[in-house]
Amino acid sequence: MEVVPTYGAMVIFKSGASTTVIGPTETLYVNAGESASFNCVVTWDTSPGIHSILWGRSLDDGSNWNNIAACFNVDESCLFVDGLQSVYSIERSGQANHVFKLSVTSATLNEDAHYDCWPFVDGRPTAPHARLYVLNQVTSTTINEPEDPKTVESGTPVIITCTTTSGNPPADLLWTIGDNDITHFSDKTATETGDDTRLYDTESNLMYAFNASDDQQYLKCQSFQHEILTARSSEILMNVEHAPLIHAIGVESWEGNTVTVECLASANPDDITYVWESDDGQTGNTGNSNKWELADEDGDDEVSVTCNASNVKGETLLTEIVKKPCHSSVLNVRKLYSSVCTCDVPTVITTTDNPYTANEGDKVELSCESDADPPFPDGIIWEWKQLEQDSFVPVNTSSDIYEITPESGGEKETTLTISGVQIIHANTYVCKLGESAVNISVLVTGQSSTPKYIL
């Protein structure tokens, strides 16, 4: 039997039999000044002699351990390392299974550590260990940009940095632009604050190419540490310079054979120049006016018109066939895909909540119907589109996510189904029948109640 002197006058004997220990493995979060405790369940070695277990803590990742106290089988008393009895206490309970509860009565950052207990003869504990986090709210969360609004060019990647200071645990940082989560375009590093190994500064660098749909949206950086700590955030307004985005070409008036059309576009800078052309060879340059007067020379109550909108950032073309309205009054076409009444095209009505709110994993069903009964005029069928970057594109039904029913496209009703919806599917969807359409905003849990894209 080996005799090993430790802890002042106490002598600890190591024998050939063994003491078994079940140490703590839980993770606890407390604010400074609050208490926390961990249990160590001990079955003592039954061989003669003095046997002991150790309580210890590791201030790093669990590699290096410092003793807190030793507890003994003789009278189940405990001896603390000098100075630690004012920080920790140990209570003993149980008969068959002896429980030694280590408590921190008023936690500080000094007690933020890994904790474990083990038989003295084992030398050191084995993983897993308990973990105590003593929380410290970050003092600031800041997007480090000198200008607000920040001006960028559409499609050009930029790096924007967000920092937090003096937090424990290190903060996780979430980036959003408008309603879109763009955190996956960022990285994150955490560094110790000065000489204190329990306070951390966090830095996240976002590398992202903003586009036209991000113009005049707020870029936000939010810091999250723990549910009992308040999230903090910083935001700046993004001024995204981009070429014109043409939303639609509409009819303002149709008097006899004289037609006035309007090109609805947005751009940044908004100094837009409009150039026009029709399929019968008529051309026009209306400068900064988005309206053009032309002649319906064939008298067939429809004209194919091309609008070319340009600014210093580029130009965009859109060609549409415009038709004579049912009434002589001026129509409201100020919003994308507003329901436009035409002589031979039925009007679209949505039968779905708008905006439509869903939880991740739900099956979403968006439905529209016509105010007229099929069959529709030749070439008039249902279409579903969604916003992608700066324009609306047909919904891709080749994947298992989207399904459109009925497939024929000539029925009175149509439904777009999104199976297992995720946050990335939060978008603006367009249900279109000929010249008439409505847009439906889909919001998924975690999204704002504001539609993703409003025109």
Protein backbone atom coordinates (compact mmCIF):
# COMPACT_ATOMS: atom_id res chain seq x y z
CA MET A 1 0.00 0.00 0.00
CA GLU A 2 1.41 3.39 -1.06
CA VAL A 3 1.11 6.43 1.20
CA VAL A 4 0.75 9.78 -0.58
CA PRO A 5 0.77 12.96 1.54
CA THR A 6 -1.58 15.74 0.38
CA TYR A 7 -3.73 18.53 1.81
CA GLY A 8 -1.78 19.59 4.87
CA ALA A 9 -1.63 16.96 7.62
CA MET A 10 -4.12 14.61 5.95
CA VAL A 11 -2.60 11.44 4.50
CA ILE A 12 -4.40 9.68 1.63
CA PHE A 13 -3.87 5.95 1.10
CA LYS A 14 -4.03 4.37 -2.36
CA SER A 15 -5.07 0.74 -2.33
CA GLY A 16 -5.46 -1.95 -4.91
CA ALA A 17 -9.27 -1.92 -4.88
CA SER A 18 -11.25 0.92 -6.43
CA THR A 19 -13.68 3.70 -5.62
CA THR A 20 -16.25 4.32 -8.37
CA VAL A 21 -17.59 7.75 -9.23
CA ILE A 22 -20.39 9.04 -11.43
CA GLY A 23 -19.51 12.64 -12.18
CA PRO A 24 -21.69 15.48 -13.47
CA THR A 25 -22.10 16.07 -17.22
CA GLU A 26 -24.76 18.80 -17.47
CA THR A 27 -24.28 22.34 -18.80
CA LEU A 28 -25.56 25.21 -16.68
CA TYR A 29 -25.97 28.90 -17.51
CA VAL A 30 -26.23 31.47 -14.71
CA ASN A 31 -25.94 35.21 -14.38
CA ALA A 32 -23.23 36.69 -12.19
CA GLY A 33 -24.23 36.46 -8.53
CA GLU A 34 -26.48 33.43 -8.99
CA SER A 35 -25.81 29.97 -7.57
CA ALA A 36 -25.10 26.67 -9.31
CA SER A 37 -24.40 23.12 -8.15
CA PHE A 38 -23.21 19.74 -9.46
CA ASN A 39 -23.54 16.25 -7.95
CA CYS A 40 -20.90 13.56 -7.62
CA VAL A 41 -22.22 10.05 -6.81
CA VAL A 42 -19.59 7.90 -5.04
CA THR A 43 -19.37 4.19 -4.17
CA TRP A 44 -16.43 3.88 -1.79
CA ASP A 45 -13.67 1.31 -2.01
CA THR A 46 -14.42 -1.26 0.73
CA SER A 47 -10.80 -2.19 1.38
CA PRO A 48 -9.18 -0.92 4.58
CA GLY A 49 -7.66 2.54 4.62
CA ILE A 50 -8.48 6.09 3.75
CA HIS A 51 -9.93 6.61 0.28
CA SER A 52 -10.81 9.85 -1.39
CA ILE A 53 -12.33 11.56 -4.38
CA LEU A 54 -11.35 14.92 -5.82
CA TRP A 55 -13.49 17.81 -7.04
CA GLY A 56 -11.75 19.94 -9.67
CA ARG A 57 -12.23 22.51 -12.38
CA SER A 58 -10.66 23.22 -15.77
CA LEU A 59 -10.49 26.77 -17.05
CA ASP A 60 -9.69 25.65 -20.61
CA ASP A 61 -11.27 22.95 -22.78
CA GLY A 62 -10.95 20.27 -20.09
CA SER A 63 -7.27 19.47 -20.67
CA ASN A 64 -5.79 21.00 -17.53
CA TRP A 65 -7.37 20.51 -14.11
CA ASN A 66 -6.97 22.29 -10.78
CA ASN A 67 -8.19 20.70 -7.55
CA ILE A 68 -10.97 22.35 -5.55
CA ALA A 69 -11.36 19.89 -2.66
CA ALA A 70 -10.79 16.30 -1.52
CA CYS A 71 -13.55 14.26 0.16
CA PHE A 72 -12.82 11.16 2.29
CA ASN A 73 -14.53 7.90 3.15
CA VAL A 74 -13.64 7.95 6.87
CA ASP A 75 -16.11 10.59 8.01
CA GLU A 76 -17.06 11.84 4.53
CA SER A 77 -15.55 15.21 5.31
CA CYS A 78 -13.98 17.45 2.66
CA LEU A 79 -10.88 19.63 2.67
CA PHE A 80 -10.67 22.62 0.32
CA VAL A 81 -7.62 24.00 -1.39
CA ASP A 82 -6.64 27.17 0.47
CA GLY A 83 -8.83 30.13 -0.46
CA LEU A 84 -11.56 28.18 -2.25
CA GLN A 85 -13.73 27.43 0.80
CA SER A 86 -15.09 30.99 0.53
CA VAL A 87 -16.17 30.33 -3.07
CA TYR A 88 -17.44 26.75 -2.98
CA SER A 89 -19.31 24.53 -0.54
CA ILE A 90 -19.89 20.76 -0.51
CA GLU A 91 -22.90 19.01 0.98
CA ARG A 92 -23.04 15.26 1.54
CA SER A 93 -26.23 13.13 1.32
CA GLY A 94 -27.29 9.53 0.66
CA GLN A 95 -26.46 6.20 2.30
CA ALA A 96 -25.89 3.46 -0.29
CA ASN A 97 -24.87 5.97 -2.94
CA HIS A 98 -22.92 8.80 -1.37
CA VAL A 99 -23.67 12.14 -3.05
CA PHE A 100 -21.27 15.06 -2.72
CA LYS A 101 -22.88 18.24 -4.07
CA LEU A 102 -20.47 21.02 -5.06
CA SER A 103 -22.11 24.47 -5.00
CA VAL A 104 -21.09 27.92 -6.13
CA THR A 105 -23.06 30.34 -3.99
CA SER A 106 -22.41 33.56 -5.89
CA ALA A 107 -20.91 32.89 -9.31
CA THR A 108 -18.46 35.24 -10.98
CA LEU A 109 -16.56 34.93 -14.22
CA ASN A 110 -13.77 33.27 -12.20
CA GLU A 111 -16.06 30.26 -11.72
CA ASP A 112 -16.81 29.92 -15.44
CA ALA A 113 -15.22 26.50 -16.06
CA HIS A 114 -15.54 22.76 -16.62
CA TYR A 115 -16.26 20.77 -13.44
CA ASP A 116 -15.84 17.10 -12.55
CA CYS A 117 -15.07 14.65 -9.75
CA TRP A 118 -12.96 11.52 -9.84
CA PRO A 119 -11.27 8.93 -7.60
CA PHE A 120 -7.93 10.13 -6.32
CA VAL A 121 -6.19 7.05 -7.70
CA ASP A 122 -7.29 7.88 -11.26
CA GLY A 123 -5.22 11.05 -11.34
CA ARG A 124 -7.62 13.06 -13.51
CA PRO A 125 -11.22 12.91 -14.77
CA THR A 126 -12.35 11.55 -18.11
CA ALA A 127 -14.86 13.22 -20.45
CA PRO A 128 -17.67 14.14 -20.51
CA HIS A 129 -17.53 16.91 -17.89
CA ALA A 130 -20.02 19.40 -16.50
CA ARG A 131 -19.86 22.97 -17.79
CA LEU A 132 -20.78 26.16 -15.98
CA TYR A 133 -21.21 29.34 -18.02
CA VAL A 134 -21.37 32.58 -16.06
CA LEU A 135 -23.16 34.83 -18.54
CA ASN A 136 -22.02 38.31 -19.42
CA GLN A 137 -24.09 40.41 -21.84
CA VAL A 138 -22.05 41.82 -24.73
CA THR A 139 -21.51 45.53 -24.17
CA SER A 140 -22.08 46.44 -27.82
CA THR A 141 -22.99 45.06 -31.24
CA THR A 142 -21.81 47.28 -34.08
CA ILE A 143 -21.73 47.22 -37.88
CA ASN A 144 -18.41 48.92 -38.55
CA GLU A 145 -19.35 51.19 -41.44
CA PRO A 146 -18.64 54.94 -41.52
CA GLU A 147 -21.61 55.74 -43.78
CA ASP A 148 -25.32 55.13 -43.26
CA PRO A 149 -26.95 54.69 -45.74
CA LYS A 150 -24.15 52.65 -47.30
CA THR A 151 -23.95 52.90 -51.08
CA VAL A 152 -22.97 49.79 -53.04
CA GLU A 153 -23.32 48.64 -56.64
CA SER A 154 -25.67 45.80 -57.51
CA GLY A 155 -23.89 42.51 -58.18
CA THR A 156 -20.51 43.65 -56.81
CA PRO A 157 -19.37 41.72 -53.69
CA VAL A 158 -18.49 43.84 -50.66
CA ILE A 159 -17.18 42.96 -47.19
CA ILE A 160 -18.99 44.40 -44.16
CA THR A 161 -17.86 43.70 -40.59
CA CYS A 162 -19.91 43.37 -37.40
CA THR A 163 -18.31 43.18 -33.94
CA THR A 164 -19.46 42.49 -30.38
CA THR A 165 -17.44 43.25 -27.25
CA SER A 166 -16.92 41.61 -23.84
CA GLY A 167 -19.44 38.79 -23.94
CA ASN A 168 -19.61 35.35 -22.36
CA PRO A 169 -20.24 32.99 -24.00
CA PRO A 170 -19.01 34.34 -27.35
CA ALA A 171 -21.93 35.73 -29.34
CA ASP A 172 -23.38 34.09 -32.44
CA LEU A 173 -24.06 36.67 -35.14
CA LEU A 174 -27.04 36.63 -37.51
CA TRP A 175 -27.07 38.74 -40.70
CA THR A 176 -30.31 39.73 -42.45
CA ILE A 177 -31.17 42.05 -45.33
CA GLY A 178 -34.85 42.92 -45.21
CA ASP A 179 -36.51 39.59 -44.41
CA ASN A 180 -33.72 37.41 -45.84
CA ASP A 181 -31.24 35.51 -43.68
CA ILE A 182 -27.80 35.85 -45.33
CA THR A 183 -25.67 34.57 -42.42
CA HIS A 184 -24.27 31.77 -44.62
CA PHE A 185 -22.35 34.45 -46.55
CA SER A 186 -20.34 35.31 -43.40
CA ASP A 187 -17.66 33.93 -41.10
CA LYS A 188 -17.10 34.40 -37.36
CA THR A 189 -14.12 34.55 -35.02
CA ALA A 190 -14.03 35.02 -31.23
CA THR A 191 -11.01 36.35 -29.34
CA GLU A 192 -10.36 36.83 -25.66
CA THR A 193 -10.72 40.33 -24.29
CA GLY A 194 -7.33 41.45 -23.05
CA ASP A 195 -6.06 39.27 -20.19
CA ASP A 196 -9.48 37.95 -19.23
CA THR A 197 -9.96 34.45 -20.62
CA ARG A 198 -13.71 34.44 -19.95
CA LEU A 199 -14.80 37.52 -21.91
CA TYR A 200 -14.82 37.45 -25.69
CA ASP A 201 -14.95 39.91 -28.56
CA THR A 202 -16.63 38.45 -31.65
CA GLU A 203 -16.11 39.55 -35.25
CA SER A 204 -18.11 38.50 -38.31
CA ASN A 205 -17.24 39.40 -41.89
CA LEU A 206 -20.10 39.36 -44.39
CA MET A 207 -19.11 38.96 -48.05
CA TYR A 208 -22.21 39.57 -50.12
CA ALA A 209 -23.27 40.94 -53.51
CA PHE A 210 -26.38 43.06 -52.94
CA ASN A 211 -28.97 43.28 -55.74
CA ALA A 212 -31.86 45.51 -56.77
CA SER A 213 -34.32 43.84 -54.40
CA ASP A 214 -32.05 44.85 -51.47
CA ASP A 215 -32.20 48.56 -52.35
CA GLN A 216 -33.52 50.69 -49.45
CA GLN A 217 -33.63 47.62 -47.19
CA TYR A 218 -31.97 47.51 -43.75
CA LEU A 219 -28.92 45.31 -43.27
CA LYS A 220 -29.02 44.03 -39.67
CA CYS A 221 -26.45 42.23 -37.52
CA GLN A 222 -27.92 40.58 -34.40
CA SER A 223 -25.92 39.01 -31.57
CA PHE A 224 -27.27 35.99 -29.68
CA GLN A 225 -25.67 34.41 -26.60
CA HIS A 226 -28.32 32.69 -24.49
CA GLU A 227 -32.10 32.80 -24.14
CA ILE A 228 -31.90 34.61 -20.80
CA LEU A 229 -29.78 37.38 -22.33
CA THR A 230 -31.34 40.04 -24.54
CA ALA A 231 -30.27 39.92 -28.19
CA ARG A 232 -28.60 43.10 -29.38
CA SER A 233 -28.40 44.40 -32.92
CA SER A 234 -27.06 47.06 -35.25
CA GLU A 235 -28.43 48.06 -38.65
CA ILE A 236 -27.68 50.30 -41.59
CA LEU A 237 -29.73 51.25 -44.65
CA MET A 238 -28.42 49.85 -47.94
CA ASN A 239 -28.44 52.14 -50.97
CA VAL A 240 -27.98 49.67 -53.84
CA GLU A 241 -27.30 51.35 -57.17
CA HIS A 242 -28.71 49.29 -60.03
CA ALA A 243 -29.93 49.42 -63.62
CA PRO A 244 -33.67 49.88 -64.14
CA LEU A 245 -35.96 47.01 -63.19
CA ILE A 246 -39.06 47.05 -65.44
CA HIS A 247 -42.12 45.69 -63.71
CA ALA A 248 -44.77 45.98 -66.41
CA ILE A 249 -46.02 47.90 -69.44
CA GLY A 250 -49.59 49.12 -69.06
CA VAL A 251 -52.20 51.10 -70.99
CA GLU A 252 -52.99 54.55 -69.65
CA SER A 253 -55.51 55.48 -72.33
CA TRP A 254 -56.88 54.24 -75.66
CA GLU A 255 -58.82 56.87 -77.60
CA GLY A 256 -59.73 55.79 -81.12
CA ASN A 257 -56.48 54.67 -82.71
CA THR A 258 -54.32 56.72 -80.30
CA VAL A 259 -52.75 54.70 -77.51
CA THR A 260 -50.79 55.96 -74.47
CA VAL A 261 -48.70 53.31 -72.76
CA GLU A 262 -46.77 53.51 -69.48
CA CYS A 263 -43.54 51.70 -68.58
CA LEU A 264 -43.40 50.96 -64.86
CA ALA A 265 -39.77 50.81 -63.74
CA SER A 266 -37.59 51.44 -60.71
CA ALA A 267 -33.87 52.20 -60.58
CA ASN A 268 -31.12 53.68 -58.45
CA PRO A 269 -30.21 56.37 -59.39
CA ASP A 270 -33.79 57.03 -60.48
CA ASP A 271 -32.83 59.28 -63.42
CA ILE A 272 -34.30 56.92 -66.04
CA THR A 273 -34.40 57.53 -69.80
CA TYR A 274 -37.10 55.76 -71.84
CA VAL A 275 -36.80 54.68 -75.49
CA TRP A 276 -39.67 52.88 -77.26
CA GLU A 277 -40.42 50.68 -80.24
CA SER A 278 -43.52 48.90 -81.51
CA ASP A 279 -43.72 45.80 -83.69
CA ASP A 280 -45.04 47.86 -86.63
CA GLY A 281 -41.90 50.09 -86.69
CA GLN A 282 -42.99 53.07 -84.59
CA THR A 283 -40.23 54.46 -82.34
CA GLY A 284 -40.01 57.10 -79.64
CA ASN A 285 -37.68 58.71 -77.11
CA THR A 286 -39.58 60.27 -74.22
CA GLY A 287 -36.56 61.22 -72.10
CA ASN A 288 -37.43 60.93 -68.39
CA SER A 289 -41.15 60.47 -69.07
CA ASN A 290 -42.29 56.86 -68.78
CA LYS A 291 -45.31 57.43 -71.08
CA TRP A 292 -45.44 57.09 -74.87
CA GLU A 293 -48.18 57.88 -77.35
CA LEU A 294 -48.43 55.73 -80.48
CA ALA A 295 -50.99 54.73 -83.07
CA ASP A 296 -52.92 51.46 -83.34
CA GLU A 297 -52.45 51.52 -87.09
CA ASP A 298 -53.95 48.08 -87.71
CA GLY A 299 -57.04 48.82 -85.63
CA ASP A 300 -56.91 45.35 -84.05
CA ASP A 301 -57.04 46.69 -80.48
CA GLU A 302 -53.61 45.37 -79.50
CA VAL A 303 -50.01 46.56 -79.95
CA SER A 304 -46.64 44.93 -79.19
CA VAL A 305 -44.50 47.49 -77.36
CA THR A 306 -40.84 47.37 -76.28
CA CYS A 307 -39.68 49.65 -73.46
CA ASN A 308 -35.96 50.34 -73.07
CA ALA A 309 -35.26 51.90 -69.67
CA SER A 310 -31.69 53.04 -68.88
CA ASN A 311 -29.69 54.96 -66.33
CA VAL A 312 -25.97 55.38 -65.62
CA LYS A 313 -25.83 51.78 -64.31
CA GLY A 314 -27.21 50.07 -67.41
CA GLU A 315 -30.36 49.37 -69.40
CA THR A 316 -33.25 46.90 -69.38
CA LEU A 317 -35.65 45.84 -72.15
CA LEU A 318 -39.18 44.50 -71.82
CA THR A 319 -41.59 43.64 -74.64
CA GLU A 320 -45.30 43.14 -73.97
CA ILE A 321 -48.48 42.98 -76.00
CA VAL A 322 -50.87 45.62 -74.65
CA LYS A 323 -54.58 45.35 -75.38
CA LYS A 324 -57.42 47.82 -75.50
CA PRO A 325 -59.14 48.02 -72.09
CA CYS A 326 -62.79 47.16 -71.62
CA HIS A 327 -63.58 50.72 -70.51
CA SER A 328 -62.39 54.13 -71.64
CA SER A 329 -61.41 55.14 -68.10
CA VAL A 330 -57.73 55.17 -67.10
CA LEU A 331 -56.72 51.88 -65.47
CA ASN A 332 -54.66 51.53 -62.31
CA VAL A 333 -51.51 49.63 -63.25
CA ARG A 334 -49.28 51.18 -60.60
CA LYS A 335 -48.47 47.84 -58.97
CA LEU A 336 -46.83 44.79 -60.45
CA TYR A 337 -49.37 42.35 -61.85
CA SER A 338 -52.36 44.35 -60.61
CA SER A 339 -55.55 42.79 -61.92
CA VAL A 340 -56.08 44.53 -65.29
CA CYS A 341 -59.48 44.30 -66.97
CA THR A 342 -59.28 43.58 -70.73
CA CYS A 343 -61.97 42.87 -73.25
CA ASP A 344 -61.29 39.17 -73.69
CA VAL A 345 -59.29 38.15 -70.63
CA PRO A 346 -60.87 37.02 -67.35
CA THR A 347 -59.78 38.53 -64.03
CA VAL A 348 -57.73 36.59 -61.46
CA ILE A 349 -58.92 36.33 -57.86
CA THR A 350 -56.82 34.77 -55.09
CA THR A 351 -58.61 32.44 -52.67
CA THR A 352 -55.61 32.23 -50.34
CA ASP A 353 -54.73 34.34 -47.30
CA ASN A 354 -52.41 37.11 -48.40
CA PRO A 355 -49.84 37.23 -46.93
CA TYR A 356 -49.79 33.49 -46.33
CA THR A 357 -48.03 32.54 -43.06
CA ALA A 358 -46.57 29.05 -42.49
CA ASN A 359 -44.19 27.21 -40.19
CA GLU A 360 -41.10 25.43 -41.50
CA GLY A 361 -42.03 21.94 -42.73
CA ASP A 362 -45.67 22.83 -43.49
CA LYS A 363 -47.33 22.07 -46.82
CA VAL A 364 -48.32 25.40 -48.39
CA GLU A 365 -51.17 25.60 -50.89
CA LEU A 366 -51.65 28.85 -52.83
CA SER A 367 -54.84 29.04 -54.90
CA CYS A 368 -56.33 31.39 -57.49
CA GLU A 369 -59.48 31.30 -59.56
CA SER A 370 -60.96 33.16 -62.52
CA ASP A 371 -64.15 35.24 -62.53
CA ALA A 372 -65.00 33.64 -65.90
CA ASP A 373 -65.65 30.07 -66.92
CA PRO A 374 -63.34 28.18 -69.31
CA PRO A 375 -62.64 27.70 -72.10
CA PHE A 376 -60.45 30.82 -72.19
CA PRO A 377 -59.34 32.56 -75.41
CA ASP A 378 -56.55 30.90 -77.38
CA GLY A 379 -53.16 31.19 -75.69
CA ILE A 380 -54.59 32.17 -72.29
CA ILE A 381 -53.47 29.69 -69.63
CA TRP A 382 -52.56 29.80 -65.94
CA GLU A 383 -48.94 30.63 -65.03
CA TRP A 384 -47.12 30.66 -61.66
CA LYS A 385 -44.02 32.79 -61.18
CA GLN A 386 -41.73 33.68 -58.27
CA LEU A 387 -39.26 36.46 -57.54
CA GLU A 388 -35.65 35.55 -58.30
CA GLN A 389 -33.02 38.25 -57.96
CA ASP A 390 -34.45 41.21 -59.90
CA SER A 391 -37.21 39.57 -61.97
CA PHE A 392 -40.07 37.09 -61.88
CA VAL A 393 -39.42 33.65 -63.37
CA PRO A 394 -41.64 30.59 -63.83
CA VAL A 395 -41.86 28.30 -60.81
CA ASN A 396 -39.65 25.24 -61.36
CA THR A 397 -41.86 22.17 -61.02
CA SER A 398 -39.11 19.71 -61.97
CA SER A 399 -38.17 19.33 -58.27
CA ASP A 400 -40.23 17.64 -55.59
CA ILE A 401 -40.78 20.96 -53.81
CA TYR A 402 -43.27 22.62 -56.17
CA GLU A 403 -46.39 21.17 -57.80
CA ILE A 404 -48.99 22.99 -59.92
CA THR A 405 -52.48 21.53 -60.34
CA PRO A 406 -54.16 21.08 -62.65
CA GLU A 407 -51.32 20.73 -65.13
CA SER A 408 -53.47 21.59 -68.16
CA GLY A 409 -53.61 25.29 -67.23
CA GLY A 410 -57.06 25.85 -68.71
CA GLU A 411 -59.25 25.27 -65.66
CA LYS A 412 -61.24 27.76 -63.60
CA GLU A 413 -58.92 27.29 -60.61
CA THR A 414 -55.20 26.67 -60.11
CA THR A 415 -53.13 25.68 -57.05
CA LEU A 416 -49.40 25.92 -56.34
CA THR A 417 -48.28 23.47 -53.62
CA ILE A 418 -44.97 23.89 -51.77
CA SER A 419 -44.08 20.71 -49.88
CA GLY A 420 -42.05 20.98 -46.65
CA VAL A 421 -41.70 24.75 -46.90
CA GLN A 422 -38.45 26.27 -45.57
CA ILE A 423 -37.41 29.86 -44.84
CA ILE A 424 -35.70 30.02 -48.25
CA HIS A 425 -39.15 29.62 -49.84
CA ALA A 426 -40.43 32.83 -48.23
CA ASN A 427 -41.03 34.85 -51.37
CA THR A 428 -43.52 36.70 -53.57
CA TYR A 429 -45.40 34.36 -55.94
CA VAL A 430 -47.47 35.49 -58.93
CA CYS A 431 -50.61 33.76 -60.15
CA LYS A 432 -51.19 34.92 -63.76
CA LEU A 433 -53.88 34.32 -66.37
CA GLY A 434 -53.23 36.18 -69.58
CA GLU A 435 -52.92 39.90 -68.72
CA SER A 436 -54.52 39.52 -65.28
CA ALA A 437 -52.59 38.44 -62.18
CA VAL A 438 -52.24 38.75 -58.42
CA ASN A 439 -49.15 38.48 -56.24
CA ILE A 440 -49.17 36.41 -53.01
CA SER A 441 -46.54 36.87 -50.27
CA VAL A 442 -45.46 33.75 -48.38
CA LEU A 443 -44.01 34.27 -44.91
CA VAL A 444 -42.27 31.43 -43.04
CA THR A 445 -41.60 31.24 -39.29
CA GLY A 446 -38.85 33.74 -38.44
CA GLN A 447 -39.92 36.14 -41.20
CA SER A 448 -41.28 39.65 -40.79
CA SER A 449 -44.97 40.28 -41.35
CA THR A 450 -43.95 42.55 -44.24
CA PRO A 451 -44.06 40.93 -47.71
CA LYS A 452 -40.62 40.16 -49.05
CA TYR A 453 -40.98 42.28 -52.16
CA ILE A 454 -43.41 45.13 -52.66
CA LEU A 455 -43.68 47.19 -55.81
